Amino acid sequence: MSENTLVSVKNLRIHYCLHNSTVKAVNGVSFDIRKGETFGLVGETGAGKTTISLGILRLLPDPPARVIEGSIEFNGKNIFTATEAEMRDLRGDQISMIFQDPMTALNPIETVGDQILECVELHQKLSAAEAREKVYEILEMVGIHRERYEEYPHQFSGGMKQRIVIAMALVCRPELLIADEPTTALDVTIQAQVLDMIQKIKNELGTSMLLITHDLGIIAETCDRVAVVYAGQIVEMGTTEQIYENTLHPYTNGLFGAIPSLDTKSRRLVPIEGLMPDPANLPKGCYFSPRCSRCMEICRQQEPPLTDMGEGHMCRCFAVCGKGGTADA
């Protein structure tokens, strides 16, 4: 783990062990997040993106979740060997998360100011006046006047609630911000405002960010590097420019084909045929093979390795990388 690496995920496998089946949610995922960068995880619903983020925070439901293999290091410390007390100190202070739905993240019977204040009181040794002033500062940083400190969540619109959740996540100036589809419930105009605000504050605080989304437009606007996730595996990874300008994996090409474009005269989008495989019954070989137009016999029999195609652009595909492949990164 280099000095510039904040988070290092290595060969992570997470299963949900149910009464009559085992859901293989994450299947050998490896990636690093560097200090100050924004790293994106993109893929369809059910690809395992949120499970990866909950693994970093060690908030997986136990049972049924089980970490079968792998490690997650944050600033050189293995998350899975940390004590629960150490994790409580870490969460909200050094690692924070913006959840998808602000309505479920906010307590309806507490004022928004007190909910943010609780984060400060848990992690920072400040006087009551200093802590309250810190809450005022973060509220104004996300565009909410300090006079609204005493108001309750139901008195705010959806976009304003999301700003409050972002304030809660950033008030302690974390080193890593995990944003799990932070704009899903917002309209397009508010979505753009919230993303601009997150990016601005992230740059001001020097925070690294893991952005989870299924929206390739958001990835293009905010991320430095991207990993495309399918059925719990990374199928393509590289810089944003590499992914957008030199798309390699058939699944990534399929995602781009489903996006409207002003550059073409096509009357219809091109969807990816078929559905995401059942994680409790994954296909043999390449998980994408049942939906892939470039599928070969080897794809149905062997799992392709994640191969470096040059300059750190990784791809997991026999049709693209050939049958020789290098070991997983």
C-alpha atoms as a PDB file:
ATOM      1  CA  MET A   1       0.000   0.000   0.000  1.00  0.00           C
ATOM      2  CA  SER A   2       1.654   3.229  -1.180  1.00  0.00           C
ATOM      3  CA  GLU A   3       1.758   6.459   0.811  1.00  0.00           C
ATOM      4  CA  ASN A   4      -0.706   8.025  -1.643  1.00  0.00           C
ATOM      5  CA  THR A   5      -3.281   5.240  -1.166  1.00  0.00           C
ATOM      6  CA  LEU A   6      -6.075   5.893   1.316  1.00  0.00           C
ATOM      7  CA  VAL A   7      -8.190   2.745   0.812  1.00  0.00           C
ATOM      8  CA  SER A   8      -7.025  -0.602  -0.533  1.00  0.00           C
ATOM      9  CA  VAL A   9      -9.576  -3.341  -1.252  1.00  0.00           C
ATOM     10  CA  LYS A  10      -8.022  -6.722  -2.074  1.00  0.00           C
ATOM     11  CA  ASN A  11      -9.851  -9.786  -3.445  1.00  0.00           C
ATOM     12  CA  LEU A  12     -13.016  -8.991  -1.466  1.00  0.00           C
ATOM     13  CA  ARG A  13     -15.684 -11.722  -1.415  1.00  0.00           C
ATOM     14  CA  ILE A  14     -18.918 -11.165   0.499  1.00  0.00           C
ATOM     15  CA  HIS A  15     -21.768 -13.682   0.632  1.00  0.00           C
ATOM     16  CA  TYR A  16     -25.200 -13.522   2.223  1.00  0.00           C
ATOM     17  CA  CYS A  17     -25.765 -16.960   3.731  1.00  0.00           C
ATOM     18  CA  LEU A  18     -29.540 -17.505   3.814  1.00  0.00           C
ATOM     19  CA  HIS A  19     -31.558 -20.472   5.036  1.00  0.00           C
ATOM     20  CA  ASN A  20     -31.835 -22.195   1.661  1.00  0.00           C
ATOM     21  CA  SER A  21     -29.315 -20.394  -0.549  1.00  0.00           C
ATOM     22  CA  THR A  22     -26.082 -18.404  -0.623  1.00  0.00           C
ATOM     23  CA  VAL A  23     -26.162 -15.029  -2.369  1.00  0.00           C
ATOM     24  CA  LYS A  24     -22.708 -14.266  -3.800  1.00  0.00           C
ATOM     25  CA  ALA A  25     -22.908 -10.470  -3.727  1.00  0.00           C
ATOM     26  CA  VAL A  26     -19.215  -9.551  -4.139  1.00  0.00           C
ATOM     27  CA  ASN A  27     -16.858 -11.876  -5.969  1.00  0.00           C
ATOM     28  CA  GLY A  28     -13.169 -11.008  -5.830  1.00  0.00           C
ATOM     29  CA  VAL A  29     -13.159  -7.207  -6.037  1.00  0.00           C
ATOM     30  CA  SER A  30      -9.861  -5.294  -5.836  1.00  0.00           C
ATOM     31  CA  PHE A  31      -9.240  -1.552  -6.168  1.00  0.00           C
ATOM     32  CA  ASP A  32      -7.434   1.358  -4.500  1.00  0.00           C
ATOM     33  CA  ILE A  33      -8.674   4.868  -3.727  1.00  0.00           C
ATOM     34  CA  ARG A  34      -5.939   7.484  -3.695  1.00  0.00           C
ATOM     35  CA  LYS A  35      -5.832  10.485  -1.404  1.00  0.00           C
ATOM     36  CA  GLY A  36      -7.873  13.373  -2.804  1.00  0.00           C
ATOM     37  CA  GLU A  37      -9.371  11.491  -5.745  1.00  0.00           C
ATOM     38  CA  THR A  38     -12.948  10.582  -6.626  1.00  0.00           C
ATOM     39  CA  PHE A  39     -13.354   6.899  -7.488  1.00  0.00           C
ATOM     40  CA  GLY A  40     -16.584   5.737  -9.102  1.00  0.00           C
ATOM     41  CA  LEU A  41     -18.397   2.394  -8.933  1.00  0.00           C
ATOM     42  CA  VAL A  42     -20.960   2.076 -11.721  1.00  0.00           C
ATOM     43  CA  GLY A  43     -23.283  -0.746 -12.695  1.00  0.00           C
ATOM     44  CA  GLU A  44     -26.859  -1.966 -12.751  1.00  0.00           C
ATOM     45  CA  THR A  45     -28.979  -2.342  -9.632  1.00  0.00           C
ATOM     46  CA  GLY A  46     -27.950  -5.523  -7.830  1.00  0.00           C
ATOM     47  CA  ALA A  47     -24.335  -5.460  -9.028  1.00  0.00           C
ATOM     48  CA  GLY A  48     -22.962  -5.382  -5.460  1.00  0.00           C
ATOM     49  CA  LYS A  49     -21.921  -1.718  -5.268  1.00  0.00           C
ATOM     50  CA  THR A  50     -23.632  -0.904  -1.963  1.00  0.00           C
ATOM     51  CA  THR A  51     -22.382  -4.142  -0.370  1.00  0.00           C
ATOM     52  CA  ILE A  52     -18.812  -3.059  -1.172  1.00  0.00           C
ATOM     53  CA  SER A  53     -19.381   0.327   0.489  1.00  0.00           C
ATOM     54  CA  LEU A  54     -20.958  -1.246   3.588  1.00  0.00           C
ATOM     55  CA  GLY A  55     -17.942  -3.551   3.774  1.00  0.00           C
ATOM     56  CA  ILE A  56     -15.620  -0.529   3.921  1.00  0.00           C
ATOM     57  CA  LEU A  57     -17.647   0.846   6.848  1.00  0.00           C
ATOM     58  CA  ARG A  58     -18.053  -2.652   8.325  1.00  0.00           C
ATOM     59  CA  LEU A  59     -21.797  -2.143   8.473  1.00  0.00           C
ATOM     60  CA  LEU A  60     -22.773  -5.403   6.780  1.00  0.00           C
ATOM     61  CA  PRO A  61     -25.769  -7.129   8.432  1.00  0.00           C
ATOM     62  CA  ASP A  62     -24.377 -10.064  10.428  1.00  0.00           C
ATOM     63  CA  PRO A  63     -26.082 -12.444   9.937  1.00  0.00           C
ATOM     64  CA  PRO A  64     -26.559 -13.110   7.040  1.00  0.00           C
ATOM     65  CA  ALA A  65     -23.508 -11.330   5.522  1.00  0.00           C
ATOM     66  CA  ARG A  66     -20.143 -13.085   5.648  1.00  0.00           C
ATOM     67  CA  VAL A  67     -16.755 -11.832   4.451  1.00  0.00           C
ATOM     68  CA  ILE A  68     -15.485 -15.009   2.807  1.00  0.00           C
ATOM     69  CA  GLU A  69     -12.118 -13.692   1.694  1.00  0.00           C
ATOM     70  CA  GLY A  70     -10.089 -10.540   1.199  1.00  0.00           C
ATOM     71  CA  SER A  71      -9.145  -7.417   3.094  1.00  0.00           C
ATOM     72  CA  ILE A  72      -9.946  -3.709   3.250  1.00  0.00           C
ATOM     73  CA  GLU A  73      -7.227  -1.363   4.487  1.00  0.00           C
ATOM     74  CA  PHE A  74      -7.863   2.257   5.431  1.00  0.00           C
ATOM     75  CA  ASN A  75      -4.707   4.302   5.991  1.00  0.00           C
ATOM     76  CA  GLY A  76      -2.824   1.023   6.289  1.00  0.00           C
ATOM     77  CA  LYS A  77      -5.129  -0.458   8.957  1.00  0.00           C
ATOM     78  CA  ASN A  78      -7.169  -3.595   8.220  1.00  0.00           C
ATOM     79  CA  ILE A  79     -10.852  -2.770   8.743  1.00  0.00           C
ATOM     80  CA  PHE A  80     -11.745  -6.394   9.465  1.00  0.00           C
ATOM     81  CA  THR A  81      -9.306  -6.719  12.372  1.00  0.00           C
ATOM     82  CA  ALA A  82     -10.277  -3.416  14.042  1.00  0.00           C
ATOM     83  CA  THR A  83     -12.273  -3.552  17.281  1.00  0.00           C
ATOM     84  CA  GLU A  84     -15.853  -2.289  17.360  1.00  0.00           C
ATOM     85  CA  ALA A  85     -14.725   0.679  19.474  1.00  0.00           C
ATOM     86  CA  GLU A  86     -12.123   1.572  16.835  1.00  0.00           C
ATOM     87  CA  MET A  87     -14.781   1.337  14.104  1.00  0.00           C
ATOM     88  CA  ARG A  88     -17.131   3.640  16.026  1.00  0.00           C
ATOM     89  CA  ASP A  89     -14.331   6.194  16.229  1.00  0.00           C
ATOM     90  CA  LEU A  90     -13.673   5.780  12.501  1.00  0.00           C
ATOM     91  CA  ARG A  91     -17.272   6.050  11.250  1.00  0.00           C
ATOM     92  CA  GLY A  92     -18.479   9.620  10.925  1.00  0.00           C
ATOM     93  CA  ASP A  93     -15.053  11.030  11.722  1.00  0.00           C
ATOM     94  CA  GLN A  94     -12.550   9.615   9.208  1.00  0.00           C
ATOM     95  CA  ILE A  95     -15.065   7.789   6.979  1.00  0.00           C
ATOM     96  CA  SER A  96     -18.559   9.168   6.336  1.00  0.00           C
ATOM     97  CA  MET A  97     -21.403   8.046   4.099  1.00  0.00           C
ATOM     98  CA  ILE A  98     -24.174   9.828   2.229  1.00  0.00           C
ATOM     99  CA  PHE A  99     -27.050   7.367   1.948  1.00  0.00           C
ATOM    100  CA  GLN A 100     -29.480   7.090  -0.987  1.00  0.00           C
ATOM    101  CA  ASP A 101     -32.648   8.233   0.759  1.00  0.00           C
ATOM    102  CA  PRO A 102     -32.387  11.257   3.089  1.00  0.00           C
ATOM    103  CA  MET A 103     -35.809  10.470   4.571  1.00  0.00           C
ATOM    104  CA  THR A 104     -34.496   7.250   6.140  1.00  0.00           C
ATOM    105  CA  ALA A 105     -31.198   8.865   7.178  1.00  0.00           C
ATOM    106  CA  LEU A 106     -32.787  11.663   9.232  1.00  0.00           C
ATOM    107  CA  ASN A 107     -34.617  11.339  12.549  1.00  0.00           C
ATOM    108  CA  PRO A 108     -38.061  12.965  12.119  1.00  0.00           C
ATOM    109  CA  ILE A 109     -38.391  13.966  15.803  1.00  0.00           C
ATOM    110  CA  GLU A 110     -35.029  15.758  16.183  1.00  0.00           C
ATOM    111  CA  THR A 111     -34.060  19.123  14.746  1.00  0.00           C
ATOM    112  CA  VAL A 112     -31.631  18.974  11.853  1.00  0.00           C
ATOM    113  CA  GLY A 113     -29.109  21.046  13.786  1.00  0.00           C
ATOM    114  CA  ASP A 114     -29.066  18.649  16.733  1.00  0.00           C
ATOM    115  CA  GLN A 115     -28.598  15.673  14.402  1.00  0.00           C
ATOM    116  CA  ILE A 116     -25.512  17.285  12.885  1.00  0.00           C
ATOM    117  CA  LEU A 117     -24.333  18.405  16.332  1.00  0.00           C
ATOM    118  CA  GLU A 118     -24.376  14.797  17.544  1.00  0.00           C
ATOM    119  CA  CYS A 119     -21.647  13.911  15.018  1.00  0.00           C
ATOM    120  CA  VAL A 120     -19.455  16.738  16.326  1.00  0.00           C
ATOM    121  CA  GLU A 121     -20.001  15.828  19.987  1.00  0.00           C
ATOM    122  CA  LEU A 122     -19.145  12.152  19.342  1.00  0.00           C
ATOM    123  CA  HIS A 123     -15.875  12.782  17.562  1.00  0.00           C
ATOM    124  CA  GLN A 124     -14.458  16.179  18.505  1.00  0.00           C
ATOM    125  CA  LYS A 125     -13.568  17.679  21.877  1.00  0.00           C
ATOM    126  CA  LEU A 126     -15.140  21.122  21.567  1.00  0.00           C
ATOM    127  CA  SER A 127     -17.092  23.366  23.912  1.00  0.00           C
ATOM    128  CA  ALA A 128     -20.871  23.581  23.411  1.00  0.00           C
ATOM    129  CA  ALA A 129     -20.520  26.991  21.760  1.00  0.00           C
ATOM    130  CA  GLU A 130     -17.698  25.841  19.452  1.00  0.00           C
ATOM    131  CA  ALA A 131     -19.607  22.700  18.435  1.00  0.00           C
ATOM    132  CA  ARG A 132     -22.737  24.690  17.627  1.00  0.00           C
ATOM    133  CA  GLU A 133     -20.713  27.196  15.592  1.00  0.00           C
ATOM    134  CA  LYS A 134     -19.218  24.316  13.622  1.00  0.00           C
ATOM    135  CA  VAL A 135     -22.747  23.136  12.775  1.00  0.00           C
ATOM    136  CA  TYR A 136     -23.684  26.663  11.651  1.00  0.00           C
ATOM    137  CA  GLU A 137     -20.623  26.728   9.375  1.00  0.00           C
ATOM    138  CA  ILE A 138     -21.377  23.385   7.688  1.00  0.00           C
ATOM    139  CA  LEU A 139     -25.061  24.309   7.228  1.00  0.00           C
ATOM    140  CA  GLU A 140     -24.088  27.493   5.427  1.00  0.00           C
ATOM    141  CA  MET A 141     -21.472  25.595   3.426  1.00  0.00           C
ATOM    142  CA  VAL A 142     -24.240  23.382   1.992  1.00  0.00           C
ATOM    143  CA  GLY A 143     -26.501  26.371   1.339  1.00  0.00           C
ATOM    144  CA  ILE A 144     -28.823  26.298   4.370  1.00  0.00           C
ATOM    145  CA  HIS A 145     -29.144  29.404   6.567  1.00  0.00           C
ATOM    146  CA  ARG A 146     -28.080  28.950  10.191  1.00  0.00           C
ATOM    147  CA  GLU A 147     -31.492  30.155  11.375  1.00  0.00           C
ATOM    148  CA  ARG A 148     -32.953  26.831  10.208  1.00  0.00           C
ATOM    149  CA  TYR A 149     -30.930  24.918  12.836  1.00  0.00           C
ATOM    150  CA  GLU A 150     -34.045  24.416  15.006  1.00  0.00           C
ATOM    151  CA  GLU A 151     -36.273  23.126  12.197  1.00  0.00           C
ATOM    152  CA  TYR A 152     -37.288  19.503  11.635  1.00  0.00           C
ATOM    153  CA  PRO A 153     -36.761  17.300   8.531  1.00  0.00           C
ATOM    154  CA  HIS A 154     -40.413  17.573   7.412  1.00  0.00           C
ATOM    155  CA  GLN A 155     -39.953  21.341   7.023  1.00  0.00           C
ATOM    156  CA  PHE A 156     -37.405  20.844   4.228  1.00  0.00           C
ATOM    157  CA  SER A 157     -37.775  19.818   0.575  1.00  0.00           C
ATOM    158  CA  GLY A 158     -36.144  16.651  -0.793  1.00  0.00           C
ATOM    159  CA  GLY A 159     -33.155  18.550  -2.134  1.00  0.00           C
ATOM    160  CA  MET A 160     -32.657  20.413   1.145  1.00  0.00           C
ATOM    161  CA  LYS A 161     -32.879  17.148   3.123  1.00  0.00           C
ATOM    162  CA  GLN A 162     -30.096  15.746   0.967  1.00  0.00           C
ATOM    163  CA  ARG A 163     -28.005  18.845   1.708  1.00  0.00           C
ATOM    164  CA  ILE A 164     -28.517  18.200   5.442  1.00  0.00           C
ATOM    165  CA  VAL A 165     -27.389  14.581   5.054  1.00  0.00           C
ATOM    166  CA  ILE A 166     -24.299  15.832   3.197  1.00  0.00           C
ATOM    167  CA  ALA A 167     -23.640  18.322   6.031  1.00  0.00           C
ATOM    168  CA  MET A 168     -23.835  15.450   8.559  1.00  0.00           C
ATOM    169  CA  ALA A 169     -21.346  13.451   6.514  1.00  0.00           C
ATOM    170  CA  LEU A 170     -18.857  16.315   6.107  1.00  0.00           C
ATOM    171  CA  VAL A 171     -19.041  18.160   9.443  1.00  0.00           C
ATOM    172  CA  CYS A 172     -16.054  16.267  10.903  1.00  0.00           C
ATOM    173  CA  ARG A 173     -14.005  16.692   7.710  1.00  0.00           C
ATOM    174  CA  PRO A 174     -13.596  12.961   6.927  1.00  0.00           C
ATOM    175  CA  GLU A 175     -10.720  11.623   4.862  1.00  0.00           C
ATOM    176  CA  LEU A 176     -13.117   9.414   2.874  1.00  0.00           C
ATOM    177  CA  LEU A 177     -16.661  10.259   1.805  1.00  0.00           C
ATOM    178  CA  ILE A 178     -18.809   7.392   0.484  1.00  0.00           C
ATOM    179  CA  ALA A 179     -21.696   8.732  -1.618  1.00  0.00           C
ATOM    180  CA  ASP A 180     -24.215   5.965  -2.379  1.00  0.00           C
ATOM    181  CA  GLU A 181     -26.332   7.289  -5.264  1.00  0.00           C
ATOM    182  CA  PRO A 182     -26.665  10.656  -3.510  1.00  0.00           C
ATOM    183  CA  THR A 183     -28.932  12.216  -6.147  1.00  0.00           C
ATOM    184  CA  THR A 184     -31.239   9.319  -7.072  1.00  0.00           C
ATOM    185  CA  ALA A 185     -34.400  10.847  -5.543  1.00  0.00           C
ATOM    186  CA  LEU A 186     -33.764  14.363  -6.890  1.00  0.00           C
ATOM    187  CA  ASP A 187     -34.882  16.057 -10.104  1.00  0.00           C
ATOM    188  CA  VAL A 188     -32.260  16.892 -12.715  1.00  0.00           C
ATOM    189  CA  THR A 189     -31.822  20.568 -11.770  1.00  0.00           C
ATOM    190  CA  ILE A 190     -31.380  19.872  -8.050  1.00  0.00           C
ATOM    191  CA  GLN A 191     -29.195  16.882  -8.901  1.00  0.00           C
ATOM    192  CA  ALA A 192     -26.714  19.125 -10.715  1.00  0.00           C
ATOM    193  CA  GLN A 193     -26.666  21.615  -7.829  1.00  0.00           C
ATOM    194  CA  VAL A 194     -26.042  18.891  -5.223  1.00  0.00           C
ATOM    195  CA  LEU A 195     -23.246  17.307  -7.272  1.00  0.00           C
ATOM    196  CA  ASP A 196     -21.550  20.678  -7.783  1.00  0.00           C
ATOM    197  CA  MET A 197     -21.806  21.347  -4.061  1.00  0.00           C
ATOM    198  CA  ILE A 198     -20.353  17.943  -3.106  1.00  0.00           C
ATOM    199  CA  GLN A 199     -17.455  18.444  -5.515  1.00  0.00           C
ATOM    200  CA  LYS A 200     -16.763  21.969  -4.274  1.00  0.00           C
ATOM    201  CA  ILE A 201     -16.748  20.983  -0.587  1.00  0.00           C
ATOM    202  CA  LYS A 202     -14.716  17.853  -1.318  1.00  0.00           C
ATOM    203  CA  ASN A 203     -12.050  20.001  -2.993  1.00  0.00           C
ATOM    204  CA  GLU A 204     -12.075  22.537  -0.138  1.00  0.00           C
ATOM    205  CA  LEU A 205     -11.632  19.828   2.509  1.00  0.00           C
ATOM    206  CA  GLY A 206      -9.239  17.618   0.501  1.00  0.00           C
ATOM    207  CA  THR A 207     -11.542  14.620   0.966  1.00  0.00           C
ATOM    208  CA  SER A 208     -11.357  11.426  -1.113  1.00  0.00           C
ATOM    209  CA  MET A 209     -14.693  10.148  -2.404  1.00  0.00           C
ATOM    210  CA  LEU A 210     -16.158   6.789  -3.401  1.00  0.00           C
ATOM    211  CA  LEU A 211     -19.136   7.594  -5.640  1.00  0.00           C
ATOM    212  CA  ILE A 212     -21.652   4.806  -6.237  1.00  0.00           C
ATOM    213  CA  THR A 213     -24.131   5.292  -9.082  1.00  0.00           C
ATOM    214  CA  HIS A 214     -25.757   3.756 -12.138  1.00  0.00           C
ATOM    215  CA  ASP A 215     -25.605   7.083 -13.981  1.00  0.00           C
ATOM    216  CA  LEU A 216     -22.674   7.343 -16.407  1.00  0.00           C
ATOM    217  CA  GLY A 217     -23.306  11.071 -16.829  1.00  0.00           C
ATOM    218  CA  ILE A 218     -22.609  11.673 -13.127  1.00  0.00           C
ATOM    219  CA  ILE A 219     -19.446   9.559 -13.374  1.00  0.00           C
ATOM    220  CA  ALA A 220     -18.192  11.665 -16.300  1.00  0.00           C
ATOM    221  CA  GLU A 221     -18.732  14.906 -14.377  1.00  0.00           C
ATOM    222  CA  THR A 222     -17.191  13.940 -11.046  1.00  0.00           C
ATOM    223  CA  CYS A 223     -14.820  10.931 -11.117  1.00  0.00           C
ATOM    224  CA  ASP A 224     -11.085  10.634 -11.682  1.00  0.00           C
ATOM    225  CA  ARG A 225     -11.154   6.821 -12.025  1.00  0.00           C
ATOM    226  CA  VAL A 226     -13.991   4.363 -12.580  1.00  0.00           C
ATOM    227  CA  ALA A 227     -14.698   0.673 -11.947  1.00  0.00           C
ATOM    228  CA  VAL A 228     -17.579  -0.954 -13.840  1.00  0.00           C
ATOM    229  CA  VAL A 229     -19.195  -3.619 -11.655  1.00  0.00           C
ATOM    230  CA  TYR A 230     -21.224  -6.587 -12.896  1.00  0.00           C
ATOM    231  CA  ALA A 231     -22.540  -9.457 -10.736  1.00  0.00           C
ATOM    232  CA  GLY A 232     -20.140  -8.598  -7.928  1.00  0.00           C
ATOM    233  CA  GLN A 233     -17.029  -8.366 -10.114  1.00  0.00           C
ATOM    234  CA  ILE A 234     -15.109  -5.472 -11.636  1.00  0.00           C
ATOM    235  CA  VAL A 235     -15.262  -6.048 -15.409  1.00  0.00           C
ATOM    236  CA  GLU A 236     -13.483  -2.838 -16.469  1.00  0.00           C
ATOM    237  CA  MET A 237     -11.476  -0.227 -14.582  1.00  0.00           C
ATOM    238  CA  GLY A 238      -9.412   2.793 -15.509  1.00  0.00           C
ATOM    239  CA  THR A 239      -9.352   6.565 -15.639  1.00  0.00           C
ATOM    240  CA  THR A 240     -12.568   8.283 -16.700  1.00  0.00           C
ATOM    241  CA  GLU A 241     -10.948   9.160 -20.029  1.00  0.00           C
ATOM    242  CA  GLN A 242      -9.941   5.533 -20.661  1.00  0.00           C
ATOM    243  CA  ILE A 243     -13.420   4.219 -19.904  1.00  0.00           C
ATOM    244  CA  TYR A 244     -15.245   6.817 -21.997  1.00  0.00           C
ATOM    245  CA  GLU A 245     -12.835   7.191 -24.915  1.00  0.00           C
ATOM    246  CA  ASN A 246     -11.546   3.609 -25.204  1.00  0.00           C
ATOM    247  CA  THR A 247     -14.380   1.433 -23.915  1.00  0.00           C
ATOM    248  CA  LEU A 248     -13.326  -2.228 -23.925  1.00  0.00           C
ATOM    249  CA  HIS A 249     -15.726  -4.575 -22.146  1.00  0.00           C
ATOM    250  CA  PRO A 250     -18.972  -5.580 -23.934  1.00  0.00           C
ATOM    251  CA  TYR A 251     -20.962  -4.765 -20.771  1.00  0.00           C
ATOM    252  CA  THR A 252     -19.514  -1.235 -20.576  1.00  0.00           C
ATOM    253  CA  ASN A 253     -20.306  -0.778 -24.268  1.00  0.00           C
ATOM    254  CA  GLY A 254     -23.835  -1.943 -23.508  1.00  0.00           C
ATOM    255  CA  LEU A 255     -24.213   0.660 -20.776  1.00  0.00           C
ATOM    256  CA  PHE A 256     -23.125   3.413 -23.164  1.00  0.00           C
ATOM    257  CA  GLY A 257     -25.469   2.063 -25.849  1.00  0.00           C
ATOM    258  CA  ALA A 258     -28.421   2.585 -23.512  1.00  0.00           C
ATOM    259  CA  ILE A 259     -27.686   6.319 -23.121  1.00  0.00           C
ATOM    260  CA  PRO A 260     -29.418   8.858 -25.409  1.00  0.00           C
ATOM    261  CA  SER A 261     -26.966  10.753 -27.615  1.00  0.00           C
ATOM    262  CA  LEU A 262     -27.294  13.989 -29.571  1.00  0.00           C
ATOM    263  CA  ASP A 263     -24.519  12.836 -31.920  1.00  0.00           C
ATOM    264  CA  THR A 264     -26.533  10.030 -33.547  1.00  0.00           C
ATOM    265  CA  LYS A 265     -29.844   9.952 -35.408  1.00  0.00           C
ATOM    266  CA  SER A 266     -30.949   6.630 -33.940  1.00  0.00           C
ATOM    267  CA  ARG A 267     -34.644   6.574 -32.998  1.00  0.00           C
ATOM    268  CA  ARG A 268     -34.215   3.832 -30.399  1.00  0.00           C
ATOM    269  CA  LEU A 269     -31.732   3.082 -27.625  1.00  0.00           C
ATOM    270  CA  VAL A 270     -29.941  -0.259 -27.644  1.00  0.00           C
ATOM    271  CA  PRO A 271     -30.609  -2.101 -24.372  1.00  0.00           C
ATOM    272  CA  ILE A 272     -28.480  -4.954 -23.045  1.00  0.00           C
ATOM    273  CA  GLU A 273     -30.436  -8.139 -23.728  1.00  0.00           C
ATOM    274  CA  GLY A 274     -31.395 -10.306 -20.776  1.00  0.00           C
ATOM    275  CA  LEU A 275     -31.169  -9.714 -17.035  1.00  0.00           C
ATOM    276  CA  MET A 276     -28.479  -9.621 -14.354  1.00  0.00           C
ATOM    277  CA  PRO A 277     -27.816 -13.234 -13.234  1.00  0.00           C
ATOM    278  CA  ASP A 278     -29.242 -14.519  -9.968  1.00  0.00           C
ATOM    279  CA  PRO A 279     -26.386 -14.019  -7.437  1.00  0.00           C
ATOM    280  CA  ALA A 280     -27.492 -17.235  -5.719  1.00  0.00           C
ATOM    281  CA  ASN A 281     -27.015 -19.142  -8.997  1.00  0.00           C
ATOM    282  CA  LEU A 282     -24.235 -17.489 -10.993  1.00  0.00           C
ATOM    283  CA  PRO A 283     -23.401 -18.965 -14.411  1.00  0.00           C
ATOM    284  CA  LYS A 284     -20.223 -20.958 -15.008  1.00  0.00           C
ATOM    285  CA  GLY A 285     -17.346 -19.078 -16.614  1.00  0.00           C
ATOM    286  CA  CYS A 286     -17.864 -15.386 -17.398  1.00  0.00           C
ATOM    287  CA  TYR A 287     -20.867 -14.030 -15.528  1.00  0.00           C
ATOM    288  CA  PHE A 288     -21.771 -11.804 -18.484  1.00  0.00           C
ATOM    289  CA  SER A 289     -21.605 -14.609 -21.082  1.00  0.00           C
ATOM    290  CA  PRO A 290     -25.399 -15.324 -21.218  1.00  0.00           C
ATOM    291  CA  ARG A 291     -26.001 -11.687 -22.312  1.00  0.00           C
ATOM    292  CA  CYS A 292     -22.868 -11.118 -24.408  1.00  0.00           C
ATOM    293  CA  SER A 293     -22.960 -10.866 -28.215  1.00  0.00           C
ATOM    294  CA  ARG A 294     -19.226 -11.691 -28.359  1.00  0.00           C
ATOM    295  CA  CYS A 295     -19.462 -14.821 -26.219  1.00  0.00           C
ATOM    296  CA  MET A 296     -17.147 -17.724 -27.163  1.00  0.00           C
ATOM    297  CA  GLU A 297     -17.036 -21.286 -25.859  1.00  0.00           C
ATOM    298  CA  ILE A 298     -14.186 -20.475 -23.461  1.00  0.00           C
ATOM    299  CA  CYS A 299     -16.360 -17.738 -21.939  1.00  0.00           C
ATOM    300  CA  ARG A 300     -18.916 -20.354 -20.885  1.00  0.00           C
ATOM    301  CA  GLN A 301     -16.273 -22.593 -19.346  1.00  0.00           C
ATOM    302  CA  GLN A 302     -13.653 -20.352 -17.714  1.00  0.00           C
ATOM    303  CA  GLU A 303     -13.774 -17.174 -15.652  1.00  0.00           C
ATOM    304  CA  PRO A 304     -11.688 -14.483 -17.400  1.00  0.00           C
ATOM    305  CA  PRO A 305      -9.026 -12.721 -15.315  1.00  0.00           C
ATOM    306  CA  LEU A 306      -8.867  -8.963 -14.886  1.00  0.00           C
ATOM    307  CA  THR A 307      -6.160  -8.032 -17.388  1.00  0.00           C
ATOM    308  CA  ASP A 308      -4.099  -4.832 -17.706  1.00  0.00           C
ATOM    309  CA  MET A 309      -4.509  -3.592 -21.273  1.00  0.00           C
ATOM    310  CA  GLY A 310      -1.953  -0.819 -20.767  1.00  0.00           C
ATOM    311  CA  GLU A 311      -1.519   2.225 -18.533  1.00  0.00           C
ATOM    312  CA  GLY A 312      -3.675   0.691 -15.817  1.00  0.00           C
ATOM    313  CA  HIS A 313      -6.754   0.163 -18.022  1.00  0.00           C
ATOM    314  CA  MET A 314      -8.120  -3.173 -16.746  1.00  0.00           C
ATOM    315  CA  CYS A 315     -10.599  -5.447 -18.527  1.00  0.00           C
ATOM    316  CA  ARG A 316     -12.114  -8.853 -17.733  1.00  0.00           C
ATOM    317  CA  CYS A 317     -12.966 -10.378 -21.139  1.00  0.00           C
ATOM    318  CA  PHE A 318     -11.520 -13.164 -23.307  1.00  0.00           C
ATOM    319  CA  ALA A 319     -12.857 -11.546 -26.505  1.00  0.00           C
ATOM    320  CA  VAL A 320     -11.021  -8.287 -25.736  1.00  0.00           C
ATOM    321  CA  CYS A 321      -7.916  -9.498 -23.889  1.00  0.00           C
ATOM    322  CA  GLY A 322      -7.321 -12.842 -25.599  1.00  0.00           C
ATOM    323  CA  LYS A 323      -7.185 -16.237 -23.920  1.00  0.00           C
ATOM    324  CA  GLY A 324      -3.839 -15.763 -22.227  1.00  0.00           C
ATOM    325  CA  GLY A 325      -4.779 -13.052 -19.683  1.00  0.00           C
ATOM    326  CA  THR A 326      -2.688 -11.934 -16.722  1.00  0.00           C
ATOM    327  CA  ALA A 327      -3.450 -12.494 -13.065  1.00  0.00           C
ATOM    328  CA  ASP A 328      -6.111 -10.388 -11.379  1.00  0.00           C
ATOM    329  CA  ALA A 329      -4.937  -6.960 -10.241  1.00  0.00           C
END
